[in-house]
Amino acid sequence: MDYDIIVLGGGIAGMTAALYAARGGKRTAVIDRAEAGGQLWVISGIENYPGFGSITGPDLAEAVKKQAADAGAEFITADLISVDFSSGVSVETSEGVFGAKGAVAATGANAARLGLPRETELTGNGVHYCATCDGRFYKNRTIAVVGNTVKAVHDVRYLCELCEKVYLVSDEDVAGLPVNCERVAGEPAALIGSPLEALRVNSGGKYTDLPVSGVFVAKGFTPNSGIFKGKLELDEKGFVITDRSMKTSAPYVYAAGDVVSKSFRQLVTAAGEGATAAHFLMRDIGKK
């Protein structure tokens, strides 16, 4: 075996799993196609991670990576091609095939995007995908939430407690919205201004510019779980199903972070799941 534990994905969940595994004396590797940190690299400010009044996503990514590397974890930059969990763990990558006694699947998920010009440019600075993470940056300001999902309604209720006014851009009628929320039927058509000044909405060919300083996209998430199809049990949306110890349907394979089927997605919960997965995987491997 090349390693005791291979962590698939280098976001906060994967790096925390690697930290715990390496500190537990296990030969540990983190494999990710990009620089470790995942979505942390597009988060401009974090104020709800324990121990930090305020920290940028990249700074947190670098700190956790260093901590895991100092503990002995190895970081490998490579594309994941395929996995085989039938007998131990075998991972085919663009840099070769790696084996291990066990694995933590932490490949994350991608938030559905608006698909508008300048969206990437404004991400983290006007356009956001997590109301709980970034809502406080818009206290007493006017913002918009975009989406027809249950999450969009939850985000509206959360943000209405913080913001002066919230527009809900949705084609679905929603009853019982807070008094400072106004639903606007239609689809986002453009992001106006830099910094953001307005969201242009197309309502059946009629365009309206909503004066907002922030847009929260709540259109759901797509898990990066294609590599696990037929290898792990997934829910109807493609998220990995685990038990409370983060164990998956495959022997000696655990999962953590946004790729997991769950209802609450935060940096701190992902880190906790990474620690849990590593802890129980090490116990599992020790029984071999």
C-alpha atoms as a PDB file:
ATOM      1  CA  MET A   1       0.000   0.000   0.000  1.00  0.00           C
ATOM      2  CA  ASP A   2       1.184   3.529  -0.793  1.00  0.00           C
ATOM      3  CA  TYR A   3      -0.724   5.054   2.133  1.00  0.00           C
ATOM      4  CA  ASP A   4      -2.854   4.159   5.099  1.00  0.00           C
ATOM      5  CA  ILE A   5      -5.447   6.796   4.216  1.00  0.00           C
ATOM      6  CA  ILE A   6      -6.117   8.714   1.024  1.00  0.00           C
ATOM      7  CA  VAL A   7      -8.300  11.818   1.261  1.00  0.00           C
ATOM      8  CA  LEU A   8     -10.085  12.640  -1.987  1.00  0.00           C
ATOM      9  CA  GLY A   9     -10.526  16.409  -2.063  1.00  0.00           C
ATOM     10  CA  GLY A  10      -8.606  19.222  -0.401  1.00  0.00           C
ATOM     11  CA  GLY A  11     -11.301  21.517   0.951  1.00  0.00           C
ATOM     12  CA  ILE A  12     -11.766  22.231   4.637  1.00  0.00           C
ATOM     13  CA  ALA A  13     -13.309  18.782   5.239  1.00  0.00           C
ATOM     14  CA  GLY A  14     -10.533  16.933   3.427  1.00  0.00           C
ATOM     15  CA  MET A  15      -7.709  18.917   5.017  1.00  0.00           C
ATOM     16  CA  THR A  16      -9.167  18.423   8.505  1.00  0.00           C
ATOM     17  CA  ALA A  17      -9.505  14.687   7.880  1.00  0.00           C
ATOM     18  CA  ALA A  18      -5.868  14.638   6.738  1.00  0.00           C
ATOM     19  CA  LEU A  19      -4.771  16.575   9.839  1.00  0.00           C
ATOM     20  CA  TYR A  20      -6.444  14.091  12.174  1.00  0.00           C
ATOM     21  CA  ALA A  21      -5.216  11.053  10.224  1.00  0.00           C
ATOM     22  CA  ALA A  22      -1.623  12.308  10.095  1.00  0.00           C
ATOM     23  CA  ARG A  23      -1.657  13.212  13.785  1.00  0.00           C
ATOM     24  CA  GLY A  24      -2.931   9.690  14.386  1.00  0.00           C
ATOM     25  CA  GLY A  25       0.259   8.321  12.866  1.00  0.00           C
ATOM     26  CA  LYS A  26      -1.279   7.256   9.560  1.00  0.00           C
ATOM     27  CA  ARG A  27       0.508   7.675   6.254  1.00  0.00           C
ATOM     28  CA  THR A  28      -1.865  10.153   4.682  1.00  0.00           C
ATOM     29  CA  ALA A  29      -2.233  11.764   1.257  1.00  0.00           C
ATOM     30  CA  VAL A  30      -4.658  14.422   0.046  1.00  0.00           C
ATOM     31  CA  ILE A  31      -5.402  14.299  -3.676  1.00  0.00           C
ATOM     32  CA  ASP A  32      -7.033  17.277  -5.381  1.00  0.00           C
ATOM     33  CA  ARG A  33      -6.892  18.697  -8.882  1.00  0.00           C
ATOM     34  CA  ALA A  34      -6.171  22.191  -7.591  1.00  0.00           C
ATOM     35  CA  GLU A  35      -4.462  23.947  -4.723  1.00  0.00           C
ATOM     36  CA  ALA A  36      -5.795  22.674  -1.398  1.00  0.00           C
ATOM     37  CA  GLY A  37      -8.549  24.840   0.022  1.00  0.00           C
ATOM     38  CA  GLY A  38     -11.418  24.268  -2.394  1.00  0.00           C
ATOM     39  CA  GLN A  39     -14.097  26.942  -2.153  1.00  0.00           C
ATOM     40  CA  LEU A  40     -12.114  28.790   0.510  1.00  0.00           C
ATOM     41  CA  TRP A  41     -10.174  30.437  -2.318  1.00  0.00           C
ATOM     42  CA  VAL A  42     -13.242  32.422  -3.438  1.00  0.00           C
ATOM     43  CA  ILE A  43     -14.382  33.540   0.038  1.00  0.00           C
ATOM     44  CA  SER A  44     -13.226  37.072   0.734  1.00  0.00           C
ATOM     45  CA  GLY A  45     -14.146  37.162   4.412  1.00  0.00           C
ATOM     46  CA  ILE A  46     -15.108  34.655   7.109  1.00  0.00           C
ATOM     47  CA  GLU A  47     -16.481  35.802  10.466  1.00  0.00           C
ATOM     48  CA  ASN A  48     -18.177  32.657  11.798  1.00  0.00           C
ATOM     49  CA  TYR A  49     -15.282  30.203  12.010  1.00  0.00           C
ATOM     50  CA  PRO A  50     -14.424  29.563  15.681  1.00  0.00           C
ATOM     51  CA  GLY A  51     -11.225  31.191  16.867  1.00  0.00           C
ATOM     52  CA  PHE A  52     -11.118  33.940  14.232  1.00  0.00           C
ATOM     53  CA  GLY A  53     -12.879  37.271  14.481  1.00  0.00           C
ATOM     54  CA  SER A  54     -12.274  37.666  10.765  1.00  0.00           C
ATOM     55  CA  ILE A  55     -10.120  35.780   8.278  1.00  0.00           C
ATOM     56  CA  THR A  56     -10.048  35.462   4.506  1.00  0.00           C
ATOM     57  CA  GLY A  57     -10.754  32.129   2.848  1.00  0.00           C
ATOM     58  CA  PRO A  58      -7.265  31.857   1.307  1.00  0.00           C
ATOM     59  CA  ASP A  59      -5.616  32.616   4.664  1.00  0.00           C
ATOM     60  CA  LEU A  60      -7.661  29.902   6.366  1.00  0.00           C
ATOM     61  CA  ALA A  61      -6.848  27.459   3.553  1.00  0.00           C
ATOM     62  CA  GLU A  62      -3.121  28.102   3.886  1.00  0.00           C
ATOM     63  CA  ALA A  63      -3.224  27.791   7.673  1.00  0.00           C
ATOM     64  CA  VAL A  64      -5.066  24.459   7.689  1.00  0.00           C
ATOM     65  CA  LYS A  65      -2.914  23.045   4.874  1.00  0.00           C
ATOM     66  CA  LYS A  66       0.271  23.970   6.738  1.00  0.00           C
ATOM     67  CA  GLN A  67      -1.054  22.416   9.927  1.00  0.00           C
ATOM     68  CA  ALA A  68      -1.893  19.160   8.118  1.00  0.00           C
ATOM     69  CA  ALA A  69       1.432  19.117   6.231  1.00  0.00           C
ATOM     70  CA  ASP A  70       3.375  19.793   9.423  1.00  0.00           C
ATOM     71  CA  ALA A  71       1.603  16.787  10.943  1.00  0.00           C
ATOM     72  CA  GLY A  72       2.880  14.651   8.063  1.00  0.00           C
ATOM     73  CA  ALA A  73       0.117  14.703   5.434  1.00  0.00           C
ATOM     74  CA  GLU A  74       1.247  14.721   1.807  1.00  0.00           C
ATOM     75  CA  PHE A  75      -0.557  16.857  -0.773  1.00  0.00           C
ATOM     76  CA  ILE A  76      -0.757  15.574  -4.350  1.00  0.00           C
ATOM     77  CA  THR A  77      -2.083  17.776  -7.172  1.00  0.00           C
ATOM     78  CA  ALA A  78      -3.744  15.505  -9.722  1.00  0.00           C
ATOM     79  CA  ASP A  79      -7.022  14.916 -11.529  1.00  0.00           C
ATOM     80  CA  LEU A  80      -9.100  12.048 -10.163  1.00  0.00           C
ATOM     81  CA  ILE A  81      -9.893   9.563 -12.938  1.00  0.00           C
ATOM     82  CA  SER A  82     -11.463   6.566 -11.185  1.00  0.00           C
ATOM     83  CA  VAL A  83     -11.704   4.778  -7.854  1.00  0.00           C
ATOM     84  CA  ASP A  84     -11.937   1.110  -6.928  1.00  0.00           C
ATOM     85  CA  PHE A  85     -13.187   0.223  -3.451  1.00  0.00           C
ATOM     86  CA  SER A  86     -13.696  -3.501  -4.078  1.00  0.00           C
ATOM     87  CA  SER A  87     -10.517  -4.586  -2.307  1.00  0.00           C
ATOM     88  CA  GLY A  88      -8.943  -1.848  -0.248  1.00  0.00           C
ATOM     89  CA  VAL A  89      -8.698   1.533  -1.955  1.00  0.00           C
ATOM     90  CA  SER A  90      -7.227   2.137  -5.401  1.00  0.00           C
ATOM     91  CA  VAL A  91      -7.296   5.620  -6.895  1.00  0.00           C
ATOM     92  CA  GLU A  92      -6.363   6.279 -10.518  1.00  0.00           C
ATOM     93  CA  THR A  93      -5.185   9.845 -11.143  1.00  0.00           C
ATOM     94  CA  SER A  94      -3.421  11.861 -13.817  1.00  0.00           C
ATOM     95  CA  GLU A  95      -0.243  11.349 -11.780  1.00  0.00           C
ATOM     96  CA  GLY A  96      -0.561   7.577 -11.446  1.00  0.00           C
ATOM     97  CA  VAL A  97      -2.385   5.005  -9.337  1.00  0.00           C
ATOM     98  CA  PHE A  98      -2.315   5.199  -5.550  1.00  0.00           C
ATOM     99  CA  GLY A  99      -3.402   2.585  -3.049  1.00  0.00           C
ATOM    100  CA  ALA A 100      -4.491   2.816   0.579  1.00  0.00           C
ATOM    101  CA  LYS A 101      -6.148   0.883   3.356  1.00  0.00           C
ATOM    102  CA  GLY A 102      -8.991   3.395   3.545  1.00  0.00           C
ATOM    103  CA  ALA A 103     -10.281   6.660   2.095  1.00  0.00           C
ATOM    104  CA  VAL A 104     -12.206   9.787   2.966  1.00  0.00           C
ATOM    105  CA  ALA A 105     -14.354  11.128   0.113  1.00  0.00           C
ATOM    106  CA  ALA A 106     -14.392  14.922   0.424  1.00  0.00           C
ATOM    107  CA  THR A 107     -14.779  16.119  -3.156  1.00  0.00           C
ATOM    108  CA  GLY A 108     -17.290  18.822  -2.280  1.00  0.00           C
ATOM    109  CA  ALA A 109     -20.136  20.322  -4.272  1.00  0.00           C
ATOM    110  CA  ASN A 110     -20.602  23.277  -6.564  1.00  0.00           C
ATOM    111  CA  ALA A 111     -23.260  25.889  -5.920  1.00  0.00           C
ATOM    112  CA  ALA A 112     -25.567  26.432  -8.884  1.00  0.00           C
ATOM    113  CA  ARG A 113     -24.670  29.737 -10.492  1.00  0.00           C
ATOM    114  CA  LEU A 114     -26.609  32.504 -12.209  1.00  0.00           C
ATOM    115  CA  GLY A 115     -24.667  32.086 -15.434  1.00  0.00           C
ATOM    116  CA  LEU A 116     -24.358  35.851 -15.927  1.00  0.00           C
ATOM    117  CA  PRO A 117     -21.396  37.886 -17.212  1.00  0.00           C
ATOM    118  CA  ARG A 118     -19.135  39.212 -14.412  1.00  0.00           C
ATOM    119  CA  GLU A 119     -20.528  36.683 -11.906  1.00  0.00           C
ATOM    120  CA  THR A 120     -17.086  35.213 -11.285  1.00  0.00           C
ATOM    121  CA  GLU A 121     -15.567  38.689 -10.965  1.00  0.00           C
ATOM    122  CA  LEU A 122     -18.126  39.653  -8.309  1.00  0.00           C
ATOM    123  CA  THR A 123     -18.109  36.355  -6.400  1.00  0.00           C
ATOM    124  CA  GLY A 124     -17.368  37.101  -2.767  1.00  0.00           C
ATOM    125  CA  ASN A 125     -17.747  40.828  -3.413  1.00  0.00           C
ATOM    126  CA  GLY A 126     -21.395  41.330  -4.286  1.00  0.00           C
ATOM    127  CA  VAL A 127     -22.412  37.823  -5.338  1.00  0.00           C
ATOM    128  CA  HIS A 128     -22.618  35.092  -2.712  1.00  0.00           C
ATOM    129  CA  TYR A 129     -23.818  31.497  -2.352  1.00  0.00           C
ATOM    130  CA  CYS A 130     -24.123  31.180   1.447  1.00  0.00           C
ATOM    131  CA  ALA A 131     -26.435  33.480   3.387  1.00  0.00           C
ATOM    132  CA  THR A 132     -25.342  32.189   6.779  1.00  0.00           C
ATOM    133  CA  CYS A 133     -21.688  32.757   5.869  1.00  0.00           C
ATOM    134  CA  ASP A 134     -21.873  36.200   4.294  1.00  0.00           C
ATOM    135  CA  GLY A 135     -25.187  37.745   5.298  1.00  0.00           C
ATOM    136  CA  ARG A 136     -23.728  39.875   8.095  1.00  0.00           C
ATOM    137  CA  PHE A 137     -21.645  41.823   5.571  1.00  0.00           C
ATOM    138  CA  TYR A 138     -24.946  43.347   4.376  1.00  0.00           C
ATOM    139  CA  LYS A 139     -26.490  44.362   7.678  1.00  0.00           C
ATOM    140  CA  ASN A 140     -29.037  47.181   7.223  1.00  0.00           C
ATOM    141  CA  ARG A 141     -28.564  47.119   3.437  1.00  0.00           C
ATOM    142  CA  THR A 142     -30.729  46.002   0.510  1.00  0.00           C
ATOM    143  CA  ILE A 143     -29.999  42.665  -1.133  1.00  0.00           C
ATOM    144  CA  ALA A 144     -31.619  40.083  -3.405  1.00  0.00           C
ATOM    145  CA  VAL A 145     -32.025  36.316  -3.028  1.00  0.00           C
ATOM    146  CA  VAL A 146     -32.385  34.310  -6.247  1.00  0.00           C
ATOM    147  CA  GLY A 147     -33.952  30.868  -6.356  1.00  0.00           C
ATOM    148  CA  ASN A 148     -37.096  28.743  -6.355  1.00  0.00           C
ATOM    149  CA  THR A 149     -35.759  26.344  -3.712  1.00  0.00           C
ATOM    150  CA  VAL A 150     -36.725  25.769  -0.098  1.00  0.00           C
ATOM    151  CA  LYS A 151     -33.215  27.025   0.690  1.00  0.00           C
ATOM    152  CA  ALA A 152     -34.058  30.353  -0.974  1.00  0.00           C
ATOM    153  CA  VAL A 153     -37.006  30.863   1.390  1.00  0.00           C
ATOM    154  CA  HIS A 154     -34.857  29.923   4.392  1.00  0.00           C
ATOM    155  CA  ASP A 155     -32.183  32.374   3.218  1.00  0.00           C
ATOM    156  CA  VAL A 156     -34.796  35.130   2.863  1.00  0.00           C
ATOM    157  CA  ARG A 157     -36.044  34.623   6.401  1.00  0.00           C
ATOM    158  CA  TYR A 158     -32.482  34.652   7.738  1.00  0.00           C
ATOM    159  CA  LEU A 159     -31.431  37.729   5.747  1.00  0.00           C
ATOM    160  CA  CYS A 160     -34.579  39.684   6.568  1.00  0.00           C
ATOM    161  CA  GLU A 161     -33.418  39.698  10.194  1.00  0.00           C
ATOM    162  CA  LEU A 162     -30.225  41.473   9.113  1.00  0.00           C
ATOM    163  CA  CYS A 163     -31.027  43.542   6.049  1.00  0.00           C
ATOM    164  CA  GLU A 164     -33.170  46.611   5.543  1.00  0.00           C
ATOM    165  CA  LYS A 165     -34.890  45.048   2.529  1.00  0.00           C
ATOM    166  CA  VAL A 166     -34.704  41.718   0.700  1.00  0.00           C
ATOM    167  CA  TYR A 167     -35.957  41.014  -2.818  1.00  0.00           C
ATOM    168  CA  LEU A 168     -36.792  37.382  -3.547  1.00  0.00           C
ATOM    169  CA  VAL A 169     -36.378  36.769  -7.273  1.00  0.00           C
ATOM    170  CA  SER A 170     -38.502  33.693  -7.832  1.00  0.00           C
ATOM    171  CA  ASP A 171     -41.201  32.472 -10.190  1.00  0.00           C
ATOM    172  CA  GLU A 172     -42.938  30.652  -7.349  1.00  0.00           C
ATOM    173  CA  ASP A 173     -45.410  32.432  -5.117  1.00  0.00           C
ATOM    174  CA  VAL A 174     -44.397  32.222  -1.451  1.00  0.00           C
ATOM    175  CA  ALA A 175     -46.799  32.886   1.396  1.00  0.00           C
ATOM    176  CA  GLY A 176     -45.905  34.459   4.701  1.00  0.00           C
ATOM    177  CA  LEU A 177     -42.768  36.343   3.675  1.00  0.00           C
ATOM    178  CA  PRO A 178     -41.394  38.909   6.169  1.00  0.00           C
ATOM    179  CA  VAL A 179     -42.690  42.457   5.785  1.00  0.00           C
ATOM    180  CA  ASN A 180     -39.321  43.715   4.508  1.00  0.00           C
ATOM    181  CA  CYS A 181     -39.251  41.140   1.702  1.00  0.00           C
ATOM    182  CA  GLU A 182     -40.670  41.719  -1.768  1.00  0.00           C
ATOM    183  CA  ARG A 183     -41.019  38.892  -4.274  1.00  0.00           C
ATOM    184  CA  VAL A 184     -40.134  39.743  -7.871  1.00  0.00           C
ATOM    185  CA  ALA A 185     -41.177  37.252 -10.538  1.00  0.00           C
ATOM    186  CA  GLY A 186     -38.636  36.700 -13.293  1.00  0.00           C
ATOM    187  CA  GLU A 187     -35.083  35.663 -14.062  1.00  0.00           C
ATOM    188  CA  PRO A 188     -31.816  37.510 -13.375  1.00  0.00           C
ATOM    189  CA  ALA A 189     -30.552  39.117 -16.575  1.00  0.00           C
ATOM    190  CA  ALA A 190     -27.495  41.197 -15.578  1.00  0.00           C
ATOM    191  CA  LEU A 191     -25.319  42.316 -12.705  1.00  0.00           C
ATOM    192  CA  ILE A 192     -24.989  46.107 -12.789  1.00  0.00           C
ATOM    193  CA  GLY A 193     -22.067  48.092 -11.397  1.00  0.00           C
ATOM    194  CA  SER A 194     -18.711  47.389  -9.810  1.00  0.00           C
ATOM    195  CA  PRO A 195     -19.131  47.358  -6.879  1.00  0.00           C
ATOM    196  CA  LEU A 196     -22.581  45.889  -7.409  1.00  0.00           C
ATOM    197  CA  GLU A 197     -25.340  48.476  -7.630  1.00  0.00           C
ATOM    198  CA  ALA A 198     -28.292  46.575  -9.088  1.00  0.00           C
ATOM    199  CA  LEU A 199     -29.644  43.240 -10.276  1.00  0.00           C
ATOM    200  CA  ARG A 200     -31.478  43.414 -13.600  1.00  0.00           C
ATOM    201  CA  VAL A 201     -34.485  41.082 -13.719  1.00  0.00           C
ATOM    202  CA  ASN A 202     -36.332  39.933 -16.835  1.00  0.00           C
ATOM    203  CA  SER A 203     -40.031  39.544 -16.096  1.00  0.00           C
ATOM    204  CA  GLY A 204     -41.610  38.279 -19.283  1.00  0.00           C
ATOM    205  CA  GLY A 205     -39.626  40.663 -21.465  1.00  0.00           C
ATOM    206  CA  LYS A 206     -39.916  43.598 -19.089  1.00  0.00           C
ATOM    207  CA  TYR A 207     -36.623  44.528 -17.432  1.00  0.00           C
ATOM    208  CA  THR A 208     -36.379  45.980 -13.954  1.00  0.00           C
ATOM    209  CA  ASP A 209     -33.215  47.031 -12.106  1.00  0.00           C
ATOM    210  CA  LEU A 210     -33.417  46.173  -8.413  1.00  0.00           C
ATOM    211  CA  PRO A 211     -31.145  48.506  -6.380  1.00  0.00           C
ATOM    212  CA  VAL A 212     -29.090  46.050  -4.329  1.00  0.00           C
ATOM    213  CA  SER A 213     -25.566  45.854  -2.961  1.00  0.00           C
ATOM    214  CA  GLY A 214     -25.541  42.066  -2.722  1.00  0.00           C
ATOM    215  CA  VAL A 215     -27.054  39.034  -4.442  1.00  0.00           C
ATOM    216  CA  PHE A 216     -27.386  35.663  -2.723  1.00  0.00           C
ATOM    217  CA  VAL A 217     -27.807  32.741  -5.092  1.00  0.00           C
ATOM    218  CA  ALA A 218     -29.891  29.931  -3.581  1.00  0.00           C
ATOM    219  CA  LYS A 219     -30.443  27.585  -6.504  1.00  0.00           C
ATOM    220  CA  GLY A 220     -29.049  24.475  -4.854  1.00  0.00           C
ATOM    221  CA  PHE A 221     -25.820  22.481  -5.076  1.00  0.00           C
ATOM    222  CA  THR A 222     -24.435  19.855  -7.429  1.00  0.00           C
ATOM    223  CA  PRO A 223     -22.209  17.289  -5.681  1.00  0.00           C
ATOM    224  CA  ASN A 224     -18.854  16.356  -7.200  1.00  0.00           C
ATOM    225  CA  SER A 225     -19.724  12.694  -6.881  1.00  0.00           C
ATOM    226  CA  GLY A 226     -19.628  11.384 -10.440  1.00  0.00           C
ATOM    227  CA  ILE A 227     -16.483   9.380  -9.701  1.00  0.00           C
ATOM    228  CA  PHE A 228     -18.386   7.523  -6.957  1.00  0.00           C
ATOM    229  CA  LYS A 229     -21.388   6.485  -9.058  1.00  0.00           C
ATOM    230  CA  GLY A 230     -21.805   2.734  -8.740  1.00  0.00           C
ATOM    231  CA  LYS A 231     -19.106   2.663  -6.042  1.00  0.00           C
ATOM    232  CA  LEU A 232     -20.922   4.363  -3.135  1.00  0.00           C
ATOM    233  CA  GLU A 233     -24.583   4.680  -2.223  1.00  0.00           C
ATOM    234  CA  LEU A 234     -25.847   8.102  -3.323  1.00  0.00           C
ATOM    235  CA  ASP A 235     -29.138   9.865  -2.680  1.00  0.00           C
ATOM    236  CA  GLU A 236     -31.505  10.994  -5.442  1.00  0.00           C
ATOM    237  CA  LYS A 237     -29.488  14.201  -5.955  1.00  0.00           C
ATOM    238  CA  GLY A 238     -26.138  12.432  -6.112  1.00  0.00           C
ATOM    239  CA  PHE A 239     -24.888  13.200  -2.597  1.00  0.00           C
ATOM    240  CA  VAL A 240     -23.012  10.474  -0.707  1.00  0.00           C
ATOM    241  CA  ILE A 241     -25.037   8.755   1.999  1.00  0.00           C
ATOM    242  CA  THR A 242     -23.266   8.172   5.327  1.00  0.00           C
ATOM    243  CA  ASP A 243     -24.110   7.079   8.832  1.00  0.00           C
ATOM    244  CA  ARG A 244     -23.420   9.217  11.915  1.00  0.00           C
ATOM    245  CA  SER A 245     -19.751   8.174  11.919  1.00  0.00           C
ATOM    246  CA  MET A 246     -19.494   9.388   8.275  1.00  0.00           C
ATOM    247  CA  LYS A 247     -19.119   5.791   7.046  1.00  0.00           C
ATOM    248  CA  THR A 248     -20.311   5.133   3.488  1.00  0.00           C
ATOM    249  CA  SER A 249     -21.677   1.953   1.914  1.00  0.00           C
ATOM    250  CA  ALA A 250     -18.164   0.792   0.911  1.00  0.00           C
ATOM    251  CA  PRO A 251     -15.780  -0.893   3.362  1.00  0.00           C
ATOM    252  CA  TYR A 252     -13.129   1.440   4.804  1.00  0.00           C
ATOM    253  CA  VAL A 253     -14.520   4.448   2.929  1.00  0.00           C
ATOM    254  CA  TYR A 254     -15.864   7.455   4.809  1.00  0.00           C
ATOM    255  CA  ALA A 255     -17.079  10.816   3.527  1.00  0.00           C
ATOM    256  CA  ALA A 256     -17.179  14.417   4.744  1.00  0.00           C
ATOM    257  CA  GLY A 257     -18.096  17.921   3.643  1.00  0.00           C
ATOM    258  CA  ASP A 258     -20.400  19.180   0.945  1.00  0.00           C
ATOM    259  CA  VAL A 259     -20.408  15.925  -1.063  1.00  0.00           C
ATOM    260  CA  VAL A 260     -22.348  14.312   1.815  1.00  0.00           C
ATOM    261  CA  SER A 261     -26.147  14.152   1.920  1.00  0.00           C
ATOM    262  CA  LYS A 262     -27.174  16.634   4.649  1.00  0.00           C
ATOM    263  CA  SER A 263     -29.218  19.772   5.286  1.00  0.00           C
ATOM    264  CA  PHE A 264     -26.661  22.263   6.641  1.00  0.00           C
ATOM    265  CA  ARG A 265     -23.463  23.226   4.801  1.00  0.00           C
ATOM    266  CA  GLN A 266     -20.917  25.331   6.667  1.00  0.00           C
ATOM    267  CA  LEU A 267     -17.140  25.408   6.980  1.00  0.00           C
ATOM    268  CA  VAL A 268     -17.318  24.451  10.636  1.00  0.00           C
ATOM    269  CA  THR A 269     -19.625  21.471  10.015  1.00  0.00           C
ATOM    270  CA  ALA A 270     -17.422  20.284   7.144  1.00  0.00           C
ATOM    271  CA  ALA A 271     -14.364  20.442   9.394  1.00  0.00           C
ATOM    272  CA  GLY A 272     -16.216  18.506  12.093  1.00  0.00           C
ATOM    273  CA  GLU A 273     -17.226  15.847   9.604  1.00  0.00           C
ATOM    274  CA  GLY A 274     -13.632  15.562   8.384  1.00  0.00           C
ATOM    275  CA  ALA A 275     -12.421  14.990  11.943  1.00  0.00           C
ATOM    276  CA  THR A 276     -15.206  12.460  12.572  1.00  0.00           C
ATOM    277  CA  ALA A 277     -14.499  10.564   9.348  1.00  0.00           C
ATOM    278  CA  ALA A 278     -10.768  10.324  10.080  1.00  0.00           C
ATOM    279  CA  HIS A 279     -11.356   9.239  13.679  1.00  0.00           C
ATOM    280  CA  PHE A 280     -13.682   6.363  12.849  1.00  0.00           C
ATOM    281  CA  LEU A 281     -11.753   5.352   9.726  1.00  0.00           C
ATOM    282  CA  MET A 282      -8.581   4.985  11.786  1.00  0.00           C
ATOM    283  CA  ARG A 283     -10.464   2.786  14.244  1.00  0.00           C
ATOM    284  CA  ASP A 284     -11.874   0.771  11.340  1.00  0.00           C
ATOM    285  CA  ILE A 285      -8.473   0.268   9.727  1.00  0.00           C
ATOM    286  CA  GLY A 286      -7.000  -0.749  13.059  1.00  0.00           C
ATOM    287  CA  LYS A 287      -9.333  -3.735  13.144  1.00  0.00           C
ATOM    288  CA  LYS A 288      -7.893  -5.167   9.895  1.00  0.00           C
END
